[in-house]
C-alpha atoms as a PDB file:
ATOM      1  CA  MET A   1     -22.797 -31.842 -17.531  1.00  0.00           C
ATOM      2  CA  ALA A   2     -23.276 -28.296 -16.251  1.00  0.00           C
ATOM      3  CA  GLU A   3     -22.539 -25.265 -18.382  1.00  0.00           C
ATOM      4  CA  PRO A   4     -19.130 -23.708 -17.757  1.00  0.00           C
ATOM      5  CA  THR A   5     -19.031 -20.439 -15.850  1.00  0.00           C
ATOM      6  CA  HIS A   6     -17.141 -17.516 -17.343  1.00  0.00           C
ATOM      7  CA  ILE A   7     -15.619 -15.155 -14.781  1.00  0.00           C
ATOM      8  CA  SER A   8     -14.052 -11.841 -15.740  1.00  0.00           C
ATOM      9  CA  SER A   9     -12.797  -8.838 -13.876  1.00  0.00           C
ATOM     10  CA  LEU A  10     -12.741  -5.339 -15.278  1.00  0.00           C
ATOM     11  CA  LEU A  11     -10.934  -2.217 -14.248  1.00  0.00           C
ATOM     12  CA  VAL A  12     -13.284   0.708 -14.808  1.00  0.00           C
ATOM     13  CA  TYR A  13     -11.915   4.256 -14.924  1.00  0.00           C
ATOM     14  CA  LEU A  14     -14.572   6.916 -14.373  1.00  0.00           C
ATOM     15  CA  ARG A  15     -15.276  10.419 -13.147  1.00  0.00           C
ATOM     16  CA  PRO A  16     -14.853  10.173  -9.363  1.00  0.00           C
ATOM     17  CA  GLU A  17     -18.019  12.166  -8.607  1.00  0.00           C
ATOM     18  CA  ALA A  18     -20.054   9.659 -10.665  1.00  0.00           C
ATOM     19  CA  ALA A  19     -18.794   6.521  -8.874  1.00  0.00           C
ATOM     20  CA  ASP A  20     -21.976   5.796  -6.902  1.00  0.00           C
ATOM     21  CA  ARG A  21     -24.250   6.221  -9.911  1.00  0.00           C
ATOM     22  CA  VAL A  22     -22.018   4.145 -12.203  1.00  0.00           C
ATOM     23  CA  ALA A  23     -21.641   1.391  -9.578  1.00  0.00           C
ATOM     24  CA  GLU A  24     -25.445   1.196  -9.231  1.00  0.00           C
ATOM     25  CA  ALA A  25     -25.851   1.018 -13.015  1.00  0.00           C
ATOM     26  CA  ILE A  26     -23.274  -1.783 -13.234  1.00  0.00           C
ATOM     27  CA  LEU A  27     -24.975  -3.767 -10.474  1.00  0.00           C
ATOM     28  CA  ALA A  28     -28.317  -3.301 -12.248  1.00  0.00           C
ATOM     29  CA  LEU A  29     -26.924  -5.209 -15.250  1.00  0.00           C
ATOM     30  CA  GLY A  30     -26.978  -8.379 -13.155  1.00  0.00           C
ATOM     31  CA  ASN A  31     -24.230 -10.972 -12.695  1.00  0.00           C
ATOM     32  CA  ALA A  32     -21.958  -8.156 -11.478  1.00  0.00           C
ATOM     33  CA  GLU A  33     -20.173  -7.339  -8.253  1.00  0.00           C
ATOM     34  CA  ILE A  34     -18.120  -4.310  -7.264  1.00  0.00           C
ATOM     35  CA  ALA A  35     -15.025  -5.962  -5.788  1.00  0.00           C
ATOM     36  CA  ALA A  36     -13.048  -2.806  -5.025  1.00  0.00           C
ATOM     37  CA  ARG A  37     -13.413   0.955  -5.180  1.00  0.00           C
ATOM     38  CA  GLU A  38     -10.934   3.765  -5.208  1.00  0.00           C
ATOM     39  CA  GLU A  39     -11.277   7.356  -6.336  1.00  0.00           C
ATOM     40  CA  GLY A  40     -11.940   7.232 -10.064  1.00  0.00           C
ATOM     41  CA  ARG A  41     -11.708   3.430 -10.328  1.00  0.00           C
ATOM     42  CA  LEU A  42     -13.863   0.384  -9.803  1.00  0.00           C
ATOM     43  CA  VAL A  43     -12.913  -3.274  -9.976  1.00  0.00           C
ATOM     44  CA  VAL A  44     -15.894  -5.183 -11.318  1.00  0.00           C
ATOM     45  CA  VAL A  45     -16.323  -8.964 -11.317  1.00  0.00           C
ATOM     46  CA  LEU A  46     -18.699 -10.406 -13.898  1.00  0.00           C
ATOM     47  CA  GLU A  47     -19.914 -14.002 -13.957  1.00  0.00           C
ATOM     48  CA  ALA A  48     -22.091 -15.718 -16.552  1.00  0.00           C
ATOM     49  CA  GLU A  49     -22.660 -19.044 -18.298  1.00  0.00           C
ATOM     50  CA  HIS A  50     -21.915 -17.538 -21.712  1.00  0.00           C
ATOM     51  CA  GLU A  51     -18.981 -15.385 -22.754  1.00  0.00           C
ATOM     52  CA  GLY A  52     -21.311 -13.234 -24.863  1.00  0.00           C
ATOM     53  CA  VAL A  53     -23.053 -11.977 -21.719  1.00  0.00           C
ATOM     54  CA  LEU A  54     -19.713 -10.748 -20.364  1.00  0.00           C
ATOM     55  CA  SER A  55     -18.920  -9.058 -23.657  1.00  0.00           C
ATOM     56  CA  ASP A  56     -22.343  -7.362 -23.722  1.00  0.00           C
ATOM     57  CA  HIS A  57     -21.919  -6.131 -20.138  1.00  0.00           C
ATOM     58  CA  MET A  58     -18.446  -4.784 -20.895  1.00  0.00           C
ATOM     59  CA  THR A  59     -19.782  -2.893 -23.917  1.00  0.00           C
ATOM     60  CA  LYS A  60     -22.640  -1.441 -21.849  1.00  0.00           C
ATOM     61  CA  ILE A  61     -20.223  -0.344 -19.117  1.00  0.00           C
ATOM     62  CA  ASN A  62     -17.910   1.305 -21.667  1.00  0.00           C
ATOM     63  CA  LEU A  63     -20.881   3.246 -23.069  1.00  0.00           C
ATOM     64  CA  MET A  64     -22.114   4.507 -19.685  1.00  0.00           C
ATOM     65  CA  PRO A  65     -21.932   8.272 -19.121  1.00  0.00           C
ATOM     66  CA  ASP A  66     -18.908   9.298 -17.032  1.00  0.00           C
ATOM     67  CA  VAL A  67     -17.010   6.062 -17.751  1.00  0.00           C
ATOM     68  CA  TYR A  68     -13.696   6.738 -19.448  1.00  0.00           C
ATOM     69  CA  VAL A  69     -12.855   3.090 -20.144  1.00  0.00           C
ATOM     70  CA  ALA A  70     -13.552  -0.410 -18.876  1.00  0.00           C
ATOM     71  CA  ALA A  71     -10.750  -2.887 -19.548  1.00  0.00           C
ATOM     72  CA  MET A  72     -10.836  -6.633 -18.962  1.00  0.00           C
ATOM     73  CA  VAL A  73      -7.919  -7.647 -16.752  1.00  0.00           C
ATOM     74  CA  PHE A  74      -8.847 -11.285 -16.065  1.00  0.00           C
ATOM     75  CA  HIS A  75     -10.937 -14.036 -17.642  1.00  0.00           C
ATOM     76  CA  GLN A  76     -11.357 -17.645 -16.588  1.00  0.00           C
ATOM     77  CA  VAL A  77     -13.663 -20.456 -17.619  1.00  0.00           C
ATOM     78  CA  ASP A  78     -14.661 -22.715 -14.742  1.00  0.00           C
ATOM     79  CA  ASP A  79     -16.219 -25.989 -15.832  1.00  0.00           C
ATOM     80  CA  GLY A  80     -16.907 -26.931 -12.226  1.00  0.00           C
ATOM     81  CA  SER A  81     -14.485 -29.847 -12.041  1.00  0.00           C
ATOM     82  CA  GLU A  82     -11.862 -29.972  -9.316  1.00  0.00           C
ATOM     83  CA  ASP A  83      -9.241 -31.137 -11.832  1.00  0.00           C
ATOM     84  CA  ALA A  84      -9.712 -27.972 -13.908  1.00  0.00           C
ATOM     85  CA  ALA A  85      -9.394 -25.758 -10.836  1.00  0.00           C
ATOM     86  CA  GLU A  86      -6.196 -27.483  -9.721  1.00  0.00           C
ATOM     87  CA  ALA A  87      -4.670 -27.372 -13.196  1.00  0.00           C
ATOM     88  CA  SER A  88      -5.437 -23.671 -13.595  1.00  0.00           C
ATOM     89  CA  GLN A  89      -3.709 -22.960 -10.290  1.00  0.00           C
ATOM     90  CA  GLY A  90      -0.745 -25.274 -10.969  1.00  0.00           C
ATOM     91  CA  GLU A  91      -1.502 -27.380  -7.891  1.00  0.00           C
ATOM     92  CA  THR A  92      -1.289 -30.804  -9.507  1.00  0.00           C
ATOM     93  CA  GLY A  93       1.555 -31.882  -7.240  1.00  0.00           C
ATOM     94  CA  THR A  94       3.837 -32.795 -10.143  1.00  0.00           C
ATOM     95  CA  PRO A  95       6.325 -30.455 -11.775  1.00  0.00           C
ATOM     96  CA  GLU A  96       5.337 -29.279 -15.206  1.00  0.00           C
ATOM     97  CA  GLU A  97       7.520 -30.426 -18.086  1.00  0.00           C
ATOM     98  CA  GLY A  98      10.239 -27.873 -18.724  1.00  0.00           C
ATOM     99  CA  SER A  99       9.927 -26.315 -15.274  1.00  0.00           C
ATOM    100  CA  HIS A 100      12.977 -25.755 -13.066  1.00  0.00           C
ATOM    101  CA  GLU A 101      11.855 -28.514 -10.659  1.00  0.00           C
ATOM    102  CA  ALA A 102      11.492 -31.040 -13.488  1.00  0.00           C
ATOM    103  CA  GLN A 103      14.938 -30.190 -14.890  1.00  0.00           C
ATOM    104  CA  SER A 104      16.786 -30.320 -11.570  1.00  0.00           C
ATOM    105  CA  SER A 105      15.566 -33.760 -10.490  1.00  0.00           C
END
């Protein structure tokens, strides 16, 4: 069985004039993508087989010069199975117990 993949997204607040340099430093960490950019903010997606790698990257980003804060806003573990993906998105086709659909039928 393959290792699960941990996927996290971070919102990084930084000095606007340092955005290019900080984005390059984040990309240099590896397993990182700049998903969105706006003045003074970056949305960063990190992906790794081990949660510790994500934690290390987040710490390194928080310690970068000109970064005010990097906050995790999303984390998901993908084990690669289709069942896990469907369950995490609520697309199983059956109402969940306690949901409005289950109670009204």
